[in-house]
Amino acid sequence: MADKIDYIEFPSADRARSSEFFQAAFGWGIISYGPSYDALDGAGIDGGIDQSPERVAAPLAVIRTADLDGAEQRVRAAGGVITKPQFDFPGGRRFHFREPGGNELAVWVARD
């Protein structure tokens, strides 16, 4: 599998209001994963709304890979800076990085 963007996270100071907005404006469904995170359903790309204290400041494109360690090595070799080391989350494992132009992205791998 080639590395591809397959998820986007929107930071929010008010997850409930953001979710209500996307439902009302675009008809997207919402799947709640607790008090600080909702997933988007029917948005054309998988995504979520993150209200956690650790949320990023801008929308976060998330790249899916088959080899997380290999992707991290390639990111570092290309000049990327790791901003959040690898960590587990309910769907798998991921890390965040900043590319040389300043954009923060994430790379994830699904659980087996």
PDB file of N, CA and C in Angstrom:
ATOM      1  N   MET A   1       0.844  -1.190   0.000  1.00  0.00           N
ATOM      2  CA  MET A   1       0.000   0.000   0.000  1.00  0.00           C
ATOM      3  C   MET A   1       0.884   1.246   0.000  1.00  0.00           C
ATOM      4  N   ALA A   2       0.626   2.152  -0.900  1.00  0.00           N
ATOM      5  CA  ALA A   2       1.345   3.420  -0.929  1.00  0.00           C
ATOM      6  C   ALA A   2       0.840   4.317   0.193  1.00  0.00           C
ATOM      7  N   ASP A   3       1.695   5.196   0.681  1.00  0.00           N
ATOM      8  CA  ASP A   3       1.298   6.143   1.716  1.00  0.00           C
ATOM      9  C   ASP A   3       0.311   7.140   1.104  1.00  0.00           C
ATOM     10  N   LYS A   4      -0.860   7.293   1.748  1.00  0.00           N
ATOM     11  CA  LYS A   4      -1.906   8.180   1.227  1.00  0.00           C
ATOM     12  C   LYS A   4      -2.603   8.918   2.355  1.00  0.00           C
ATOM     13  N   ILE A   5      -2.968  10.171   2.083  1.00  0.00           N
ATOM     14  CA  ILE A   5      -3.791  10.917   3.034  1.00  0.00           C
ATOM     15  C   ILE A   5      -5.161  10.260   3.051  1.00  0.00           C
ATOM     16  N   ASP A   6      -5.606   9.871   4.243  1.00  0.00           N
ATOM     17  CA  ASP A   6      -6.922   9.232   4.321  1.00  0.00           C
ATOM     18  C   ASP A   6      -7.745   9.713   5.512  1.00  0.00           C
ATOM     19  N   TYR A   7      -7.289  10.774   6.187  1.00  0.00           N
ATOM     20  CA  TYR A   7      -7.996  11.245   7.379  1.00  0.00           C
ATOM     21  C   TYR A   7      -7.619  12.698   7.607  1.00  0.00           C
ATOM     22  N   ILE A   8      -8.547  13.473   8.129  1.00  0.00           N
ATOM     23  CA  ILE A   8      -8.251  14.855   8.507  1.00  0.00           C
ATOM     24  C   ILE A   8      -8.903  15.137   9.853  1.00  0.00           C
ATOM     25  N   GLU A   9      -8.149  15.794  10.731  1.00  0.00           N
ATOM     26  CA  GLU A   9      -8.683  16.166  12.039  1.00  0.00           C
ATOM     27  C   GLU A   9      -8.800  17.681  12.129  1.00  0.00           C
ATOM     28  N   PHE A  10      -9.936  18.115  12.634  1.00  0.00           N
ATOM     29  CA  PHE A  10     -10.171  19.531  12.859  1.00  0.00           C
ATOM     30  C   PHE A  10     -10.073  19.810  14.353  1.00  0.00           C
ATOM     31  N   PRO A  11      -9.174  20.717  14.764  1.00  0.00           N
ATOM     32  CA  PRO A  11      -9.144  21.090  16.177  1.00  0.00           C
ATOM     33  C   PRO A  11     -10.370  21.951  16.486  1.00  0.00           C
ATOM     34  N   SER A  12     -10.855  21.877  17.718  1.00  0.00           N
ATOM     35  CA  SER A  12     -12.037  22.646  18.092  1.00  0.00           C
ATOM     36  C   SER A  12     -11.997  22.989  19.573  1.00  0.00           C
ATOM     37  N   ALA A  13     -12.342  24.226  19.881  1.00  0.00           N
ATOM     38  CA  ALA A  13     -12.494  24.626  21.280  1.00  0.00           C
ATOM     39  C   ALA A  13     -13.844  24.163  21.824  1.00  0.00           C
ATOM     40  N   ASP A  14     -14.756  23.769  20.930  1.00  0.00           N
ATOM     41  CA  ASP A  14     -16.084  23.315  21.331  1.00  0.00           C
ATOM     42  C   ASP A  14     -16.525  22.209  20.374  1.00  0.00           C
ATOM     43  N   ARG A  15     -16.157  20.991  20.693  1.00  0.00           N
ATOM     44  CA  ARG A  15     -16.419  19.829  19.847  1.00  0.00           C
ATOM     45  C   ARG A  15     -17.897  19.711  19.497  1.00  0.00           C
ATOM     46  N   ALA A  16     -18.772  19.864  20.476  1.00  0.00           N
ATOM     47  CA  ALA A  16     -20.209  19.706  20.239  1.00  0.00           C
ATOM     48  C   ALA A  16     -20.715  20.721  19.220  1.00  0.00           C
ATOM     49  N   ARG A  17     -20.309  21.973  19.348  1.00  0.00           N
ATOM     50  CA  ARG A  17     -20.768  23.000  18.408  1.00  0.00           C
ATOM     51  C   ARG A  17     -20.191  22.770  17.020  1.00  0.00           C
ATOM     52  N   SER A  18     -18.912  22.347  16.947  1.00  0.00           N
ATOM     53  CA  SER A  18     -18.330  22.048  15.637  1.00  0.00           C
ATOM     54  C   SER A  18     -19.079  20.897  14.977  1.00  0.00           C
ATOM     55  N   SER A  19     -19.358  19.850  15.746  1.00  0.00           N
ATOM     56  CA  SER A  19     -20.086  18.698  15.201  1.00  0.00           C
ATOM     57  C   SER A  19     -21.470  19.110  14.711  1.00  0.00           C
ATOM     58  N   GLU A  20     -22.169  19.905  15.511  1.00  0.00           N
ATOM     59  CA  GLU A  20     -23.488  20.388  15.115  1.00  0.00           C
ATOM     60  C   GLU A  20     -23.409  21.216  13.831  1.00  0.00           C
ATOM     61  N   PHE A  21     -22.374  22.029  13.721  1.00  0.00           N
ATOM     62  CA  PHE A  21     -22.189  22.838  12.516  1.00  0.00           C
ATOM     63  C   PHE A  21     -22.042  21.950  11.281  1.00  0.00           C
ATOM     64  N   PHE A  22     -21.128  20.973  11.326  1.00  0.00           N
ATOM     65  CA  PHE A  22     -20.896  20.121  10.163  1.00  0.00           C
ATOM     66  C   PHE A  22     -22.135  19.307   9.804  1.00  0.00           C
ATOM     67  N   GLN A  23     -22.909  18.900  10.814  1.00  0.00           N
ATOM     68  CA  GLN A  23     -24.168  18.200  10.542  1.00  0.00           C
ATOM     69  C   GLN A  23     -25.152  19.121   9.834  1.00  0.00           C
ATOM     70  N   ALA A  24     -25.329  20.331  10.366  1.00  0.00           N
ATOM     71  CA  ALA A  24     -26.310  21.265   9.814  1.00  0.00           C
ATOM     72  C   ALA A  24     -25.898  21.793   8.442  1.00  0.00           C
ATOM     73  N   ALA A  25     -24.629  22.131   8.283  1.00  0.00           N
ATOM     74  CA  ALA A  25     -24.173  22.751   7.042  1.00  0.00           C
ATOM     75  C   ALA A  25     -24.011  21.751   5.905  1.00  0.00           C
ATOM     76  N   PHE A  26     -23.553  20.534   6.213  1.00  0.00           N
ATOM     77  CA  PHE A  26     -23.203  19.588   5.151  1.00  0.00           C
ATOM     78  C   PHE A  26     -23.898  18.233   5.257  1.00  0.00           C
ATOM     79  N   GLY A  27     -24.642  18.002   6.327  1.00  0.00           N
ATOM     80  CA  GLY A  27     -25.359  16.746   6.496  1.00  0.00           C
ATOM     81  C   GLY A  27     -24.485  15.570   6.894  1.00  0.00           C
ATOM     82  N   TRP A  28     -23.266  15.846   7.363  1.00  0.00           N
ATOM     83  CA  TRP A  28     -22.368  14.771   7.776  1.00  0.00           C
ATOM     84  C   TRP A  28     -22.843  14.158   9.084  1.00  0.00           C
ATOM     85  N   GLY A  29     -22.667  12.857   9.220  1.00  0.00           N
ATOM     86  CA  GLY A  29     -22.974  12.180  10.460  1.00  0.00           C
ATOM     87  C   GLY A  29     -21.824  12.335  11.447  1.00  0.00           C
ATOM     88  N   ILE A  30     -22.129  12.116  12.703  1.00  0.00           N
ATOM     89  CA  ILE A  30     -21.139  12.241  13.778  1.00  0.00           C
ATOM     90  C   ILE A  30     -21.155  10.958  14.598  1.00  0.00           C
ATOM     91  N   ILE A  31     -19.975  10.438  14.883  1.00  0.00           N
ATOM     92  CA  ILE A  31     -19.823   9.282  15.761  1.00  0.00           C
ATOM     93  C   ILE A  31     -18.992   9.746  16.946  1.00  0.00           C
ATOM     94  N   SER A  32     -19.575   9.765  18.129  1.00  0.00           N
ATOM     95  CA  SER A  32     -18.890  10.263  19.313  1.00  0.00           C
ATOM     96  C   SER A  32     -17.993   9.193  19.924  1.00  0.00           C
ATOM     97  N   TYR A  33     -16.765   9.592  20.227  1.00  0.00           N
ATOM     98  CA  TYR A  33     -15.812   8.724  20.908  1.00  0.00           C
ATOM     99  C   TYR A  33     -15.454   9.291  22.275  1.00  0.00           C
ATOM    100  N   GLY A  34     -16.390   9.960  22.906  1.00  0.00           N
ATOM    101  CA  GLY A  34     -16.155  10.499  24.236  1.00  0.00           C
ATOM    102  C   GLY A  34     -16.281  12.008  24.252  1.00  0.00           C
ATOM    103  N   PRO A  35     -15.926  12.615  25.369  1.00  0.00           N
ATOM    104  CA  PRO A  35     -16.161  14.050  25.544  1.00  0.00           C
ATOM    105  C   PRO A  35     -15.243  14.960  24.729  1.00  0.00           C
ATOM    106  N   SER A  36     -14.158  14.423  24.158  1.00  0.00           N
ATOM    107  CA  SER A  36     -13.243  15.313  23.446  1.00  0.00           C
ATOM    108  C   SER A  36     -13.022  14.943  21.984  1.00  0.00           C
ATOM    109  N   TYR A  37     -13.716  13.901  21.462  1.00  0.00           N
ATOM    110  CA  TYR A  37     -13.462  13.509  20.074  1.00  0.00           C
ATOM    111  C   TYR A  37     -14.716  12.954  19.415  1.00  0.00           C
ATOM    112  N   ASP A  38     -15.013  13.481  18.232  1.00  0.00           N
ATOM    113  CA  ASP A  38     -16.082  12.966  17.383  1.00  0.00           C
ATOM    114  C   ASP A  38     -15.489  12.636  16.020  1.00  0.00           C
ATOM    115  N   ALA A  39     -15.936  11.539  15.429  1.00  0.00           N
ATOM    116  CA  ALA A  39     -15.546  11.197  14.064  1.00  0.00           C
ATOM    117  C   ALA A  39     -16.611  11.717  13.105  1.00  0.00           C
ATOM    118  N   LEU A  40     -16.173  12.050  11.889  1.00  0.00           N
ATOM    119  CA  LEU A  40     -17.085  12.486  10.843  1.00  0.00           C
ATOM    120  C   LEU A  40     -17.508  11.282  10.017  1.00  0.00           C
ATOM    121  N   ASP A  41     -18.757  11.262   9.585  1.00  0.00           N
ATOM    122  CA  ASP A  41     -19.272  10.173   8.772  1.00  0.00           C
ATOM    123  C   ASP A  41     -19.922  10.762   7.526  1.00  0.00           C
ATOM    124  N   GLY A  42     -19.493  10.304   6.358  1.00  0.00           N
ATOM    125  CA  GLY A  42     -20.082  10.776   5.114  1.00  0.00           C
ATOM    126  C   GLY A  42     -19.488  12.059   4.588  1.00  0.00           C
ATOM    127  N   ALA A  43     -18.279  12.409   5.020  1.00  0.00           N
ATOM    128  CA  ALA A  43     -17.653  13.670   4.608  1.00  0.00           C
ATOM    129  C   ALA A  43     -16.831  13.536   3.327  1.00  0.00           C
ATOM    130  N   GLY A  44     -16.737  12.341   2.768  1.00  0.00           N
ATOM    131  CA  GLY A  44     -15.938  12.146   1.569  1.00  0.00           C
ATOM    132  C   GLY A  44     -14.528  11.680   1.868  1.00  0.00           C
ATOM    133  N   ILE A  45     -14.064  11.952   3.054  1.00  0.00           N
ATOM    134  CA  ILE A  45     -12.802  11.468   3.595  1.00  0.00           C
ATOM    135  C   ILE A  45     -13.054  11.253   5.081  1.00  0.00           C
ATOM    136  N   ASP A  46     -12.453  10.236   5.651  1.00  0.00           N
ATOM    137  CA  ASP A  46     -12.629  10.042   7.092  1.00  0.00           C
ATOM    138  C   ASP A  46     -12.018  11.220   7.826  1.00  0.00           C
ATOM    139  N   GLY A  47     -12.597  11.581   8.951  1.00  0.00           N
ATOM    140  CA  GLY A  47     -12.075  12.707   9.711  1.00  0.00           C
ATOM    141  C   GLY A  47     -12.669  12.762  11.092  1.00  0.00           C
ATOM    142  N   GLY A  48     -12.212  13.745  11.850  1.00  0.00           N
ATOM    143  CA  GLY A  48     -12.691  13.900  13.202  1.00  0.00           C
ATOM    144  C   GLY A  48     -12.559  15.317  13.700  1.00  0.00           C
ATOM    145  N   ILE A  49     -13.165  15.545  14.863  1.00  0.00           N
ATOM    146  CA  ILE A  49     -13.130  16.842  15.537  1.00  0.00           C
ATOM    147  C   ILE A  49     -12.523  16.594  16.905  1.00  0.00           C
ATOM    148  N   ASP A  50     -11.403  17.262  17.167  1.00  0.00           N
ATOM    149  CA  ASP A  50     -10.609  17.014  18.371  1.00  0.00           C
ATOM    150  C   ASP A  50     -10.658  18.211  19.303  1.00  0.00           C
ATOM    151  N   GLN A  51     -11.169  17.995  20.508  1.00  0.00           N
ATOM    152  CA  GLN A  51     -11.235  19.046  21.525  1.00  0.00           C
ATOM    153  C   GLN A  51     -10.253  18.779  22.662  1.00  0.00           C
ATOM    154  N   SER A  52      -9.386  17.782  22.521  1.00  0.00           N
ATOM    155  CA  SER A  52      -8.470  17.443  23.616  1.00  0.00           C
ATOM    156  C   SER A  52      -7.487  18.582  23.868  1.00  0.00           C
ATOM    157  N   PRO A  53      -6.960  18.687  25.072  1.00  0.00           N
ATOM    158  CA  PRO A  53      -5.980  19.736  25.363  1.00  0.00           C
ATOM    159  C   PRO A  53      -4.733  19.651  24.474  1.00  0.00           C
ATOM    160  N   GLU A  54      -4.417  18.463  23.959  1.00  0.00           N
ATOM    161  CA  GLU A  54      -3.226  18.279  23.127  1.00  0.00           C
ATOM    162  C   GLU A  54      -3.494  18.518  21.643  1.00  0.00           C
ATOM    163  N   ARG A  55      -4.693  18.959  21.282  1.00  0.00           N
ATOM    164  CA  ARG A  55      -5.034  19.109  19.866  1.00  0.00           C
ATOM    165  C   ARG A  55      -4.070  20.062  19.159  1.00  0.00           C
ATOM    166  N   VAL A  56      -3.931  19.848  17.872  1.00  0.00           N
ATOM    167  CA  VAL A  56      -3.093  20.725  17.068  1.00  0.00           C
ATOM    168  C   VAL A  56      -3.827  22.041  16.830  1.00  0.00           C
ATOM    169  N   ALA A  57      -3.096  23.057  16.361  1.00  0.00           N
ATOM    170  CA  ALA A  57      -3.676  24.385  16.192  1.00  0.00           C
ATOM    171  C   ALA A  57      -4.425  24.552  14.869  1.00  0.00           C
ATOM    172  N   ALA A  58      -4.114  23.723  13.887  1.00  0.00           N
ATOM    173  CA  ALA A  58      -4.716  23.832  12.552  1.00  0.00           C
ATOM    174  C   ALA A  58      -5.180  22.451  12.113  1.00  0.00           C
ATOM    175  N   PRO A  59      -6.018  22.379  11.075  1.00  0.00           N
ATOM    176  CA  PRO A  59      -6.420  21.058  10.586  1.00  0.00           C
ATOM    177  C   PRO A  59      -5.193  20.180  10.315  1.00  0.00           C
ATOM    178  N   LEU A  60      -5.344  18.901  10.605  1.00  0.00           N
ATOM    179  CA  LEU A  60      -4.238  17.953  10.542  1.00  0.00           C
ATOM    180  C   LEU A  60      -4.547  16.872   9.513  1.00  0.00           C
ATOM    181  N   ALA A  61      -3.782  16.853   8.418  1.00  0.00           N
ATOM    182  CA  ALA A  61      -3.901  15.765   7.445  1.00  0.00           C
ATOM    183  C   ALA A  61      -3.173  14.553   8.012  1.00  0.00           C
ATOM    184  N   VAL A  62      -3.795  13.378   7.883  1.00  0.00           N
ATOM    185  CA  VAL A  62      -3.230  12.155   8.441  1.00  0.00           C
ATOM    186  C   VAL A  62      -2.990  11.160   7.299  1.00  0.00           C
ATOM    187  N   ILE A  63      -1.763  10.682   7.201  1.00  0.00           N
ATOM    188  CA  ILE A  63      -1.331   9.787   6.128  1.00  0.00           C
ATOM    189  C   ILE A  63      -1.309   8.361   6.648  1.00  0.00           C
ATOM    190  N   ARG A  64      -1.938   7.453   5.918  1.00  0.00           N
ATOM    191  CA  ARG A  64      -1.925   6.037   6.306  1.00  0.00           C
ATOM    192  C   ARG A  64      -0.740   5.352   5.641  1.00  0.00           C
ATOM    193  N   THR A  65      -0.075   4.490   6.398  1.00  0.00           N
ATOM    194  CA  THR A  65       1.065   3.743   5.893  1.00  0.00           C
ATOM    195  C   THR A  65       0.956   2.290   6.322  1.00  0.00           C
ATOM    196  N   ALA A  66       1.742   1.433   5.704  1.00  0.00           N
ATOM    197  CA  ALA A  66       1.811   0.030   6.114  1.00  0.00           C
ATOM    198  C   ALA A  66       3.003  -0.205   7.031  1.00  0.00           C
ATOM    199  N   ASP A  67       3.933   0.771   7.112  1.00  0.00           N
ATOM    200  CA  ASP A  67       5.173   0.626   7.881  1.00  0.00           C
ATOM    201  C   ASP A  67       5.457   1.924   8.622  1.00  0.00           C
ATOM    202  N   LEU A  68       5.002   2.012   9.863  1.00  0.00           N
ATOM    203  CA  LEU A  68       5.133   3.258  10.624  1.00  0.00           C
ATOM    204  C   LEU A  68       6.589   3.603  10.892  1.00  0.00           C
ATOM    205  N   ASP A  69       7.400   2.636  11.294  1.00  0.00           N
ATOM    206  CA  ASP A  69       8.815   2.921  11.562  1.00  0.00           C
ATOM    207  C   ASP A  69       9.523   3.381  10.295  1.00  0.00           C
ATOM    208  N   GLY A  70       9.236   2.729   9.177  1.00  0.00           N
ATOM    209  CA  GLY A  70       9.836   3.128   7.907  1.00  0.00           C
ATOM    210  C   GLY A  70       9.417   4.533   7.508  1.00  0.00           C
ATOM    211  N   ALA A  71       8.135   4.854   7.703  1.00  0.00           N
ATOM    212  CA  ALA A  71       7.649   6.194   7.378  1.00  0.00           C
ATOM    213  C   ALA A  71       8.334   7.237   8.249  1.00  0.00           C
ATOM    214  N   GLU A  72       8.518   6.927   9.521  1.00  0.00           N
ATOM    215  CA  GLU A  72       9.200   7.885  10.403  1.00  0.00           C
ATOM    216  C   GLU A  72      10.643   8.103   9.942  1.00  0.00           C
ATOM    217  N   GLN A  73      11.317   7.046   9.553  1.00  0.00           N
ATOM    218  CA  GLN A  73      12.691   7.188   9.052  1.00  0.00           C
ATOM    219  C   GLN A  73      12.730   8.051   7.792  1.00  0.00           C
ATOM    220  N   ARG A  74      11.778   7.846   6.889  1.00  0.00           N
ATOM    221  CA  ARG A  74      11.734   8.638   5.653  1.00  0.00           C
ATOM    222  C   ARG A  74      11.429  10.104   5.951  1.00  0.00           C
ATOM    223  N   VAL A  75      10.516  10.355   6.904  1.00  0.00           N
ATOM    224  CA  VAL A  75      10.185  11.731   7.291  1.00  0.00           C
ATOM    225  C   VAL A  75      11.421  12.434   7.840  1.00  0.00           C
ATOM    226  N   ARG A  76      12.130  11.779   8.740  1.00  0.00           N
ATOM    227  CA  ARG A  76      13.347  12.376   9.322  1.00  0.00           C
ATOM    228  C   ARG A  76      14.405  12.617   8.243  1.00  0.00           C
ATOM    229  N   ALA A  77      14.619  11.631   7.370  1.00  0.00           N
ATOM    230  CA  ALA A  77      15.642  11.746   6.325  1.00  0.00           C
ATOM    231  C   ALA A  77      15.338  12.883   5.347  1.00  0.00           C
ATOM    232  N   ALA A  78      14.050  13.169   5.157  1.00  0.00           N
ATOM    233  CA  ALA A  78      13.649  14.230   4.237  1.00  0.00           C
ATOM    234  C   ALA A  78      13.638  15.610   4.890  1.00  0.00           C
ATOM    235  N   GLY A  79      13.980  15.689   6.182  1.00  0.00           N
ATOM    236  CA  GLY A  79      14.044  16.978   6.869  1.00  0.00           C
ATOM    237  C   GLY A  79      12.859  17.284   7.752  1.00  0.00           C
ATOM    238  N   GLY A  80      11.961  16.317   7.949  1.00  0.00           N
ATOM    239  CA  GLY A  80      10.832  16.526   8.844  1.00  0.00           C
ATOM    240  C   GLY A  80      11.267  16.449  10.297  1.00  0.00           C
ATOM    241  N   VAL A  81      10.538  17.131  11.156  1.00  0.00           N
ATOM    242  CA  VAL A  81      10.826  17.155  12.589  1.00  0.00           C
ATOM    243  C   VAL A  81       9.647  16.494  13.312  1.00  0.00           C
ATOM    244  N   ILE A  82       9.933  15.490  14.124  1.00  0.00           N
ATOM    245  CA  ILE A  82       8.889  14.800  14.873  1.00  0.00           C
ATOM    246  C   ILE A  82       8.380  15.732  15.970  1.00  0.00           C
ATOM    247  N   THR A  83       7.071  15.974  15.986  1.00  0.00           N
ATOM    248  CA  THR A  83       6.479  16.853  17.000  1.00  0.00           C
ATOM    249  C   THR A  83       5.749  16.066  18.085  1.00  0.00           C
ATOM    250  N   LYS A  84       5.360  14.826  17.786  1.00  0.00           N
ATOM    251  CA  LYS A  84       4.730  13.947  18.771  1.00  0.00           C
ATOM    252  C   LYS A  84       5.191  12.529  18.445  1.00  0.00           C
ATOM    253  N   PRO A  85       5.987  11.927  19.326  1.00  0.00           N
ATOM    254  CA  PRO A  85       6.499  10.580  19.065  1.00  0.00           C
ATOM    255  C   PRO A  85       5.362   9.569  18.905  1.00  0.00           C
ATOM    256  N   GLN A  86       5.688   8.411  18.373  1.00  0.00           N
ATOM    257  CA  GLN A  86       4.702   7.363  18.154  1.00  0.00           C
ATOM    258  C   GLN A  86       3.897   7.087  19.423  1.00  0.00           C
ATOM    259  N   PHE A  87       2.576   6.934  19.235  1.00  0.00           N
ATOM    260  CA  PHE A  87       1.698   6.617  20.354  1.00  0.00           C
ATOM    261  C   PHE A  87       0.543   5.772  19.846  1.00  0.00           C
ATOM    262  N   ASP A  88      -0.055   5.012  20.759  1.00  0.00           N
ATOM    263  CA  ASP A  88      -1.214   4.189  20.444  1.00  0.00           C
ATOM    264  C   ASP A  88      -2.483   5.010  20.589  1.00  0.00           C
ATOM    265  N   PHE A  89      -3.464   4.704  19.754  1.00  0.00           N
ATOM    266  CA  PHE A  89      -4.811   5.258  19.873  1.00  0.00           C
ATOM    267  C   PHE A  89      -5.774   4.140  19.490  1.00  0.00           C
ATOM    268  N   PRO A  90      -7.078   4.303  19.674  1.00  0.00           N
ATOM    269  CA  PRO A  90      -7.988   3.176  19.465  1.00  0.00           C
ATOM    270  C   PRO A  90      -7.894   2.486  18.106  1.00  0.00           C
ATOM    271  N   GLY A  91      -7.555   3.209  17.044  1.00  0.00           N
ATOM    272  CA  GLY A  91      -7.499   2.592  15.718  1.00  0.00           C
ATOM    273  C   GLY A  91      -6.158   2.034  15.313  1.00  0.00           C
ATOM    274  N   GLY A  92      -5.092   2.362  16.052  1.00  0.00           N
ATOM    275  CA  GLY A  92      -3.758   1.908  15.665  1.00  0.00           C
ATOM    276  C   GLY A  92      -2.662   2.653  16.400  1.00  0.00           C
ATOM    277  N   ARG A  93      -1.677   3.097  15.633  1.00  0.00           N
ATOM    278  CA  ARG A  93      -0.514   3.786  16.194  1.00  0.00           C
ATOM    279  C   ARG A  93      -0.126   4.898  15.223  1.00  0.00           C
ATOM    280  N   ARG A  94       0.360   6.041  15.754  1.00  0.00           N
ATOM    281  CA  ARG A  94       0.742   7.139  14.873  1.00  0.00           C
ATOM    282  C   ARG A  94       1.782   8.038  15.504  1.00  0.00           C
ATOM    283  N   PHE A  95       2.323   8.939  14.672  1.00  0.00           N
ATOM    284  CA  PHE A  95       3.201  10.010  15.132  1.00  0.00           C
ATOM    285  C   PHE A  95       2.856  11.274  14.355  1.00  0.00           C
ATOM    286  N   HIS A  96       3.255  12.423  14.899  1.00  0.00           N
ATOM    287  CA  HIS A  96       3.061  13.708  14.224  1.00  0.00           C
ATOM    288  C   HIS A  96       4.423  14.259  13.839  1.00  0.00           C
ATOM    289  N   PHE A  97       4.442  15.054  12.773  1.00  0.00           N
ATOM    290  CA  PHE A  97       5.693  15.695  12.338  1.00  0.00           C
ATOM    291  C   PHE A  97       5.390  17.038  11.689  1.00  0.00           C
ATOM    292  N   ARG A  98       6.421  17.859  11.575  1.00  0.00           N
ATOM    293  CA  ARG A  98       6.330  19.138  10.876  1.00  0.00           C
ATOM    294  C   ARG A  98       7.255  19.054   9.678  1.00  0.00           C
ATOM    295  N   GLU A  99       6.708  19.333   8.509  1.00  0.00           N
ATOM    296  CA  GLU A  99       7.533  19.349   7.303  1.00  0.00           C
ATOM    297  C   GLU A  99       8.278  20.683   7.228  1.00  0.00           C
ATOM    298  N   PRO A 100       9.331  20.803   6.387  1.00  0.00           N
ATOM    299  CA  PRO A 100      10.157  22.017   6.393  1.00  0.00           C
ATOM    300  C   PRO A 100       9.405  23.322   6.166  1.00  0.00           C
ATOM    301  N   GLY A 101       8.252  23.292   5.511  1.00  0.00           N
ATOM    302  CA  GLY A 101       7.473  24.514   5.289  1.00  0.00           C
ATOM    303  C   GLY A 101       6.616  24.921   6.469  1.00  0.00           C
ATOM    304  N   GLY A 102       6.573  24.084   7.516  1.00  0.00           N
ATOM    305  CA  GLY A 102       5.875  24.445   8.740  1.00  0.00           C
ATOM    306  C   GLY A 102       4.554  23.728   8.981  1.00  0.00           C
ATOM    307  N   ASN A 103       4.059  22.950   8.017  1.00  0.00           N
ATOM    308  CA  ASN A 103       2.789  22.243   8.210  1.00  0.00           C
ATOM    309  C   ASN A 103       2.975  21.022   9.093  1.00  0.00           C
ATOM    310  N   GLU A 104       2.043  20.831  10.032  1.00  0.00           N
ATOM    311  CA  GLU A 104       2.062  19.633  10.857  1.00  0.00           C
ATOM    312  C   GLU A 104       1.130  18.598  10.238  1.00  0.00           C
ATOM    313  N   LEU A 105       1.615  17.360  10.178  1.00  0.00           N
ATOM    314  CA  LEU A 105       0.854  16.229   9.659  1.00  0.00           C
ATOM    315  C   LEU A 105       1.056  15.060  10.600  1.00  0.00           C
ATOM    316  N   ALA A 106       0.347  13.972  10.340  1.00  0.00           N
ATOM    317  CA  ALA A 106       0.515  12.748  11.116  1.00  0.00           C
ATOM    318  C   ALA A 106       0.597  11.569  10.156  1.00  0.00           C
ATOM    319  N   VAL A 107       1.219  10.493  10.626  1.00  0.00           N
ATOM    320  CA  VAL A 107       1.265   9.239   9.893  1.00  0.00           C
ATOM    321  C   VAL A 107       0.758   8.160  10.830  1.00  0.00           C
ATOM    322  N   TRP A 108      -0.103   7.258  10.300  1.00  0.00           N
ATOM    323  CA  TRP A 108      -0.659   6.216  11.152  1.00  0.00           C
ATOM    324  C   TRP A 108      -0.630   4.867  10.460  1.00  0.00           C
ATOM    325  N   VAL A 109      -0.687   3.833  11.279  1.00  0.00           N
ATOM    326  CA  VAL A 109      -0.813   2.471  10.805  1.00  0.00           C
ATOM    327  C   VAL A 109      -1.944   1.819  11.600  1.00  0.00           C
ATOM    328  N   ALA A 110      -2.767   1.034  10.906  1.00  0.00           N
ATOM    329  CA  ALA A 110      -3.892   0.363  11.555  1.00  0.00           C
ATOM    330  C   ALA A 110      -3.395  -0.796  12.402  1.00  0.00           C
ATOM    331  N   ARG A 111      -4.162  -1.114  13.423  1.00  0.00           N
ATOM    332  CA  ARG A 111      -3.871  -2.308  14.243  1.00  0.00           C
ATOM    333  C   ARG A 111      -4.095  -3.545  13.393  1.00  0.00           C
ATOM    334  N   ASP A 112      -3.293  -4.544  13.650  1.00  0.00           N
ATOM    335  CA  ASP A 112      -3.454  -5.828  12.937  1.00  0.00           C
ATOM    336  C   ASP A 112      -4.615  -6.595  13.474  1.00  0.00           C
TER     337      ASP A 112
END
